[in-house]
C-alpha atoms as a PDB file:
ATOM      1  CA  UNK A   1      -4.305  -0.164 -20.873  1.00  0.00           C
ATOM      2  CA  UNK A   2      -6.121  -3.133 -22.410  1.00  0.00           C
ATOM      3  CA  UNK A   3      -2.792  -4.822 -23.313  1.00  0.00           C
ATOM      4  CA  UNK A   4      -1.559  -4.410 -19.491  1.00  0.00           C
ATOM      5  CA  UNK A   5      -4.907  -5.682 -18.333  1.00  0.00           C
ATOM      6  CA  UNK A   6      -4.669  -8.774 -20.562  1.00  0.00           C
ATOM      7  CA  UNK A   7      -1.228  -9.344 -19.520  1.00  0.00           C
ATOM      8  CA  UNK A   8      -1.754  -8.953 -15.845  1.00  0.00           C
ATOM      9  CA  UNK A   9      -4.720 -11.347 -16.027  1.00  0.00           C
ATOM     10  CA  UNK A  10      -2.300 -14.085 -17.425  1.00  0.00           C
ATOM     11  CA  UNK A  11      -0.452 -14.075 -14.294  1.00  0.00           C
ATOM     12  CA  UNK A  12      -2.199 -16.426 -11.896  1.00  0.00           C
ATOM     13  CA  UNK A  13      -2.763 -15.518  -8.217  1.00  0.00           C
ATOM     14  CA  UNK A  14      -0.857 -18.090  -6.016  1.00  0.00           C
ATOM     15  CA  UNK A  15      -2.915 -18.294  -2.908  1.00  0.00           C
ATOM     16  CA  UNK A  16      -0.866 -20.881  -1.310  1.00  0.00           C
ATOM     17  CA  UNK A  17       1.958 -18.500  -1.456  1.00  0.00           C
ATOM     18  CA  UNK A  18       0.326 -15.792   0.426  1.00  0.00           C
ATOM     19  CA  UNK A  19       1.714 -15.753   3.999  1.00  0.00           C
ATOM     20  CA  UNK A  20      -0.687 -14.205   6.718  1.00  0.00           C
ATOM     21  CA  UNK A  21       0.706 -10.856   7.821  1.00  0.00           C
ATOM     22  CA  UNK A  22       0.981 -10.390  11.561  1.00  0.00           C
ATOM     23  CA  UNK A  23      -0.554  -7.746  13.849  1.00  0.00           C
ATOM     24  CA  UNK A  24       1.381  -4.497  13.686  1.00  0.00           C
ATOM     25  CA  UNK A  25       2.642  -3.174  17.031  1.00  0.00           C
ATOM     26  CA  UNK A  26       3.072   0.584  17.079  1.00  0.00           C
ATOM     27  CA  UNK A  27       6.157   1.796  19.207  1.00  0.00           C
ATOM     28  CA  UNK A  28       5.900   5.268  19.577  1.00  0.00           C
ATOM     29  CA  UNK A  29       4.250   8.286  21.576  1.00  0.00           C
ATOM     30  CA  UNK A  30       1.097   9.978  21.085  1.00  0.00           C
ATOM     31  CA  UNK A  31       2.639  12.504  18.645  1.00  0.00           C
ATOM     32  CA  UNK A  32       4.390   9.787  16.709  1.00  0.00           C
ATOM     33  CA  UNK A  33       1.235   7.955  16.347  1.00  0.00           C
ATOM     34  CA  UNK A  34      -0.724  10.893  14.963  1.00  0.00           C
ATOM     35  CA  UNK A  35       1.985  11.423  12.482  1.00  0.00           C
ATOM     36  CA  UNK A  36       1.964   7.736  11.424  1.00  0.00           C
ATOM     37  CA  UNK A  37      -1.974   7.784  11.077  1.00  0.00           C
ATOM     38  CA  UNK A  38      -1.707  10.800   8.812  1.00  0.00           C
ATOM     39  CA  UNK A  39       0.976   9.249   6.715  1.00  0.00           C
ATOM     40  CA  UNK A  40      -1.265   6.094   6.437  1.00  0.00           C
ATOM     41  CA  UNK A  41      -4.421   8.053   5.778  1.00  0.00           C
ATOM     42  CA  UNK A  42      -2.829   9.974   3.007  1.00  0.00           C
ATOM     43  CA  UNK A  43      -1.346   7.019   1.351  1.00  0.00           C
ATOM     44  CA  UNK A  44      -4.616   5.208   1.490  1.00  0.00           C
ATOM     45  CA  UNK A  45      -6.638   8.010   0.047  1.00  0.00           C
ATOM     46  CA  UNK A  46      -4.319   8.988  -2.636  1.00  0.00           C
ATOM     47  CA  UNK A  47      -3.785   5.346  -3.731  1.00  0.00           C
ATOM     48  CA  UNK A  48      -7.251   4.151  -3.345  1.00  0.00           C
ATOM     49  CA  UNK A  49      -9.669   6.935  -3.308  1.00  0.00           C
ATOM     50  CA  UNK A  50     -12.580   6.435  -1.083  1.00  0.00           C
ATOM     51  CA  UNK A  51     -12.539   2.559  -1.711  1.00  0.00           C
ATOM     52  CA  UNK A  52     -12.606   1.015   1.949  1.00  0.00           C
ATOM     53  CA  UNK A  53     -11.081  -2.365   0.797  1.00  0.00           C
ATOM     54  CA  UNK A  54      -8.433  -0.457  -1.423  1.00  0.00           C
ATOM     55  CA  UNK A  55      -7.507   1.682   1.581  1.00  0.00           C
ATOM     56  CA  UNK A  56      -7.252  -1.244   4.001  1.00  0.00           C
ATOM     57  CA  UNK A  57      -5.012  -3.134   1.277  1.00  0.00           C
ATOM     58  CA  UNK A  58      -2.671  -0.142   0.815  1.00  0.00           C
ATOM     59  CA  UNK A  59      -2.226   0.442   4.408  1.00  0.00           C
ATOM     60  CA  UNK A  60      -1.427  -3.140   5.081  1.00  0.00           C
ATOM     61  CA  UNK A  61       1.289  -3.049   2.370  1.00  0.00           C
ATOM     62  CA  UNK A  62       2.892   0.074   4.216  1.00  0.00           C
ATOM     63  CA  UNK A  63       2.930  -1.736   7.476  1.00  0.00           C
ATOM     64  CA  UNK A  64       4.210  -4.929   5.799  1.00  0.00           C
ATOM     65  CA  UNK A  65       7.020  -2.871   4.542  1.00  0.00           C
ATOM     66  CA  UNK A  66       8.096  -1.534   7.755  1.00  0.00           C
ATOM     67  CA  UNK A  67       8.776  -4.843   8.787  1.00  0.00           C
ATOM     68  CA  UNK A  68      10.439  -6.034   5.707  1.00  0.00           C
ATOM     69  CA  UNK A  69      14.185  -5.741   4.863  1.00  0.00           C
ATOM     70  CA  UNK A  70      15.373  -2.983   2.537  1.00  0.00           C
ATOM     71  CA  UNK A  71      12.456  -0.478   3.557  1.00  0.00           C
ATOM     72  CA  UNK A  72      12.581   2.337   5.907  1.00  0.00           C
ATOM     73  CA  UNK A  73      11.664   1.409   9.633  1.00  0.00           C
ATOM     74  CA  UNK A  74       8.665   4.059  10.056  1.00  0.00           C
ATOM     75  CA  UNK A  75       5.382   4.527   8.379  1.00  0.00           C
ATOM     76  CA  UNK A  76       6.163   7.930   7.219  1.00  0.00           C
ATOM     77  CA  UNK A  77       9.516   6.854   5.953  1.00  0.00           C
ATOM     78  CA  UNK A  78       8.107   3.984   3.828  1.00  0.00           C
ATOM     79  CA  UNK A  79       5.296   6.371   2.403  1.00  0.00           C
ATOM     80  CA  UNK A  80       7.795   9.152   1.232  1.00  0.00           C
ATOM     81  CA  UNK A  81      10.740   6.770   0.196  1.00  0.00           C
ATOM     82  CA  UNK A  82      12.125   8.183  -2.758  1.00  0.00           C
ATOM     83  CA  UNK A  83       9.887  11.208  -3.025  1.00  0.00           C
ATOM     84  CA  UNK A  84      12.563  13.557  -3.420  1.00  0.00           C
ATOM     85  CA  UNK A  85      13.392  11.994  -6.788  1.00  0.00           C
ATOM     86  CA  UNK A  86      11.472  12.273  -9.966  1.00  0.00           C
ATOM     87  CA  UNK A  87      11.625   8.631 -10.298  1.00  0.00           C
ATOM     88  CA  UNK A  88      11.928   5.828  -7.865  1.00  0.00           C
ATOM     89  CA  UNK A  89       9.316   6.944  -5.403  1.00  0.00           C
ATOM     90  CA  UNK A  90       7.439   4.111  -3.825  1.00  0.00           C
ATOM     91  CA  UNK A  91       4.011   5.575  -3.994  1.00  0.00           C
ATOM     92  CA  UNK A  92       3.375   7.571  -7.189  1.00  0.00           C
ATOM     93  CA  UNK A  93       1.361  10.342  -5.330  1.00  0.00           C
ATOM     94  CA  UNK A  94       4.543  11.332  -3.578  1.00  0.00           C
ATOM     95  CA  UNK A  95       6.424  12.260  -6.819  1.00  0.00           C
ATOM     96  CA  UNK A  96       3.903  12.789  -9.560  1.00  0.00           C
ATOM     97  CA  UNK A  97       2.287  16.068  -8.545  1.00  0.00           C
ATOM     98  CA  UNK A  98      -0.688  14.428  -7.091  1.00  0.00           C
ATOM     99  CA  UNK A  99      -0.240  16.118  -3.761  1.00  0.00           C
ATOM    100  CA  UNK A 100      -0.979  19.539  -5.168  1.00  0.00           C
ATOM    101  CA  UNK A 101      -4.550  18.609  -5.952  1.00  0.00           C
ATOM    102  CA  UNK A 102      -7.098  18.681  -3.349  1.00  0.00           C
ATOM    103  CA  UNK A 103      -8.167  15.013  -2.371  1.00  0.00           C
ATOM    104  CA  UNK A 104     -11.693  13.816  -1.974  1.00  0.00           C
ATOM    105  CA  UNK A 105     -13.135  14.883   1.350  1.00  0.00           C
ATOM    106  CA  UNK A 106     -15.359  11.757   1.660  1.00  0.00           C
ATOM    107  CA  UNK A 107     -12.573   9.314   1.924  1.00  0.00           C
ATOM    108  CA  UNK A 108     -10.517  11.293   4.777  1.00  0.00           C
ATOM    109  CA  UNK A 109     -12.221  10.035   7.854  1.00  0.00           C
ATOM    110  CA  UNK A 110     -12.632   6.582   6.466  1.00  0.00           C
ATOM    111  CA  UNK A 111      -8.853   6.520   5.716  1.00  0.00           C
ATOM    112  CA  UNK A 112      -7.974   7.843   9.298  1.00  0.00           C
ATOM    113  CA  UNK A 113     -10.081   5.258  11.003  1.00  0.00           C
ATOM    114  CA  UNK A 114      -8.361   2.649   8.886  1.00  0.00           C
ATOM    115  CA  UNK A 115      -5.119   3.936   9.666  1.00  0.00           C
ATOM    116  CA  UNK A 116      -5.923   3.981  13.390  1.00  0.00           C
ATOM    117  CA  UNK A 117      -7.254   0.468  13.370  1.00  0.00           C
ATOM    118  CA  UNK A 118      -4.079  -0.769  11.464  1.00  0.00           C
ATOM    119  CA  UNK A 119      -1.845   0.754  13.864  1.00  0.00           C
ATOM    120  CA  UNK A 120      -3.820  -0.781  16.787  1.00  0.00           C
ATOM    121  CA  UNK A 121      -3.199  -4.195  15.213  1.00  0.00           C
ATOM    122  CA  UNK A 122      -5.928  -4.761  12.671  1.00  0.00           C
ATOM    123  CA  UNK A 123      -4.749  -6.896   9.809  1.00  0.00           C
ATOM    124  CA  UNK A 124      -6.322  -6.734   6.293  1.00  0.00           C
ATOM    125  CA  UNK A 125      -5.816 -10.526   5.663  1.00  0.00           C
ATOM    126  CA  UNK A 126      -6.826 -10.813   1.734  1.00  0.00           C
ATOM    127  CA  UNK A 127      -3.286  -9.192   0.807  1.00  0.00           C
ATOM    128  CA  UNK A 128      -1.271 -11.131   3.368  1.00  0.00           C
ATOM    129  CA  UNK A 129       2.370  -9.958   3.785  1.00  0.00           C
ATOM    130  CA  UNK A 130       2.308  -8.186   0.240  1.00  0.00           C
ATOM    131  CA  UNK A 131       5.007  -5.603  -0.126  1.00  0.00           C
ATOM    132  CA  UNK A 132       4.227  -4.494  -3.702  1.00  0.00           C
ATOM    133  CA  UNK A 133       1.200  -3.514  -5.725  1.00  0.00           C
ATOM    134  CA  UNK A 134       0.069  -1.697  -8.918  1.00  0.00           C
ATOM    135  CA  UNK A 135      -3.099  -0.910 -10.692  1.00  0.00           C
ATOM    136  CA  UNK A 136      -4.190  -3.449 -13.250  1.00  0.00           C
ATOM    137  CA  UNK A 137      -3.509  -1.077 -16.312  1.00  0.00           C
ATOM    138  CA  UNK A 138       0.419  -1.083 -15.623  1.00  0.00           C
ATOM    139  CA  UNK A 139       2.957  -3.747 -16.004  1.00  0.00           C
ATOM    140  CA  UNK A 140       5.830  -2.899 -13.744  1.00  0.00           C
ATOM    141  CA  UNK A 141       9.327  -4.156 -14.328  1.00  0.00           C
ATOM    142  CA  UNK A 142       9.448  -5.957 -11.186  1.00  0.00           C
ATOM    143  CA  UNK A 143       6.411  -7.967 -11.577  1.00  0.00           C
ATOM    144  CA  UNK A 144       7.989 -11.240 -12.672  1.00  0.00           C
ATOM    145  CA  UNK A 145      10.293 -11.099  -9.669  1.00  0.00           C
ATOM    146  CA  UNK A 146       7.497 -11.344  -7.198  1.00  0.00           C
ATOM    147  CA  UNK A 147       4.416 -13.628  -6.496  1.00  0.00           C
ATOM    148  CA  UNK A 148       1.037 -12.305  -7.337  1.00  0.00           C
ATOM    149  CA  UNK A 149      -1.217 -13.130  -4.209  1.00  0.00           C
ATOM    150  CA  UNK A 150      -4.214 -11.125  -4.336  1.00  0.00           C
ATOM    151  CA  UNK A 151      -6.250  -8.495  -6.166  1.00  0.00           C
ATOM    152  CA  UNK A 152      -8.549  -5.861  -4.647  1.00  0.00           C
ATOM    153  CA  UNK A 153     -10.500  -4.220  -7.235  1.00  0.00           C
ATOM    154  CA  UNK A 154      -8.137  -2.902  -9.905  1.00  0.00           C
ATOM    155  CA  UNK A 155      -5.094  -3.388  -7.641  1.00  0.00           C
ATOM    156  CA  UNK A 156      -2.836  -6.423  -7.865  1.00  0.00           C
ATOM    157  CA  UNK A 157      -0.774  -7.379  -4.785  1.00  0.00           C
ATOM    158  CA  UNK A 158       2.463  -9.216  -4.596  1.00  0.00           C
ATOM    159  CA  UNK A 159       4.915 -10.574  -2.010  1.00  0.00           C
ATOM    160  CA  UNK A 160       8.607 -11.738  -2.135  1.00  0.00           C
ATOM    161  CA  UNK A 161       9.064 -15.407  -3.035  1.00  0.00           C
END
């Protein structure tokens, strides 16, 4: 863990490369919006716990991926991409057994509010158009292929070059 943190700290944040994200325009009916809200709230809570900024950052990454080439074009499609495999899931909670444990109750309503706001056009600007992130105690194989654009607590955010 200490080695990973030290290695990640050596990679500079390139703020000038951080592109601003545009407001997300949800196109779907009430049932689809509710499903997207639940998928966003779930990924936010499992990935960032009750940390408000962490939740917003994770939600922004999901919405950025919906618009980016190479990712599914729906919120839930992005969240659960690769979850049927033991490796290759996009968000670790979808394939590592985390969903079998009960998440903390305190973060749910906050995560749902953040999800509704994001689907309504709120942009979490500190991560820009980041499409990838990881915790600071990991060094993923893809790190050097992307540009580090932000950190939010223990998460590091990247966008394509």
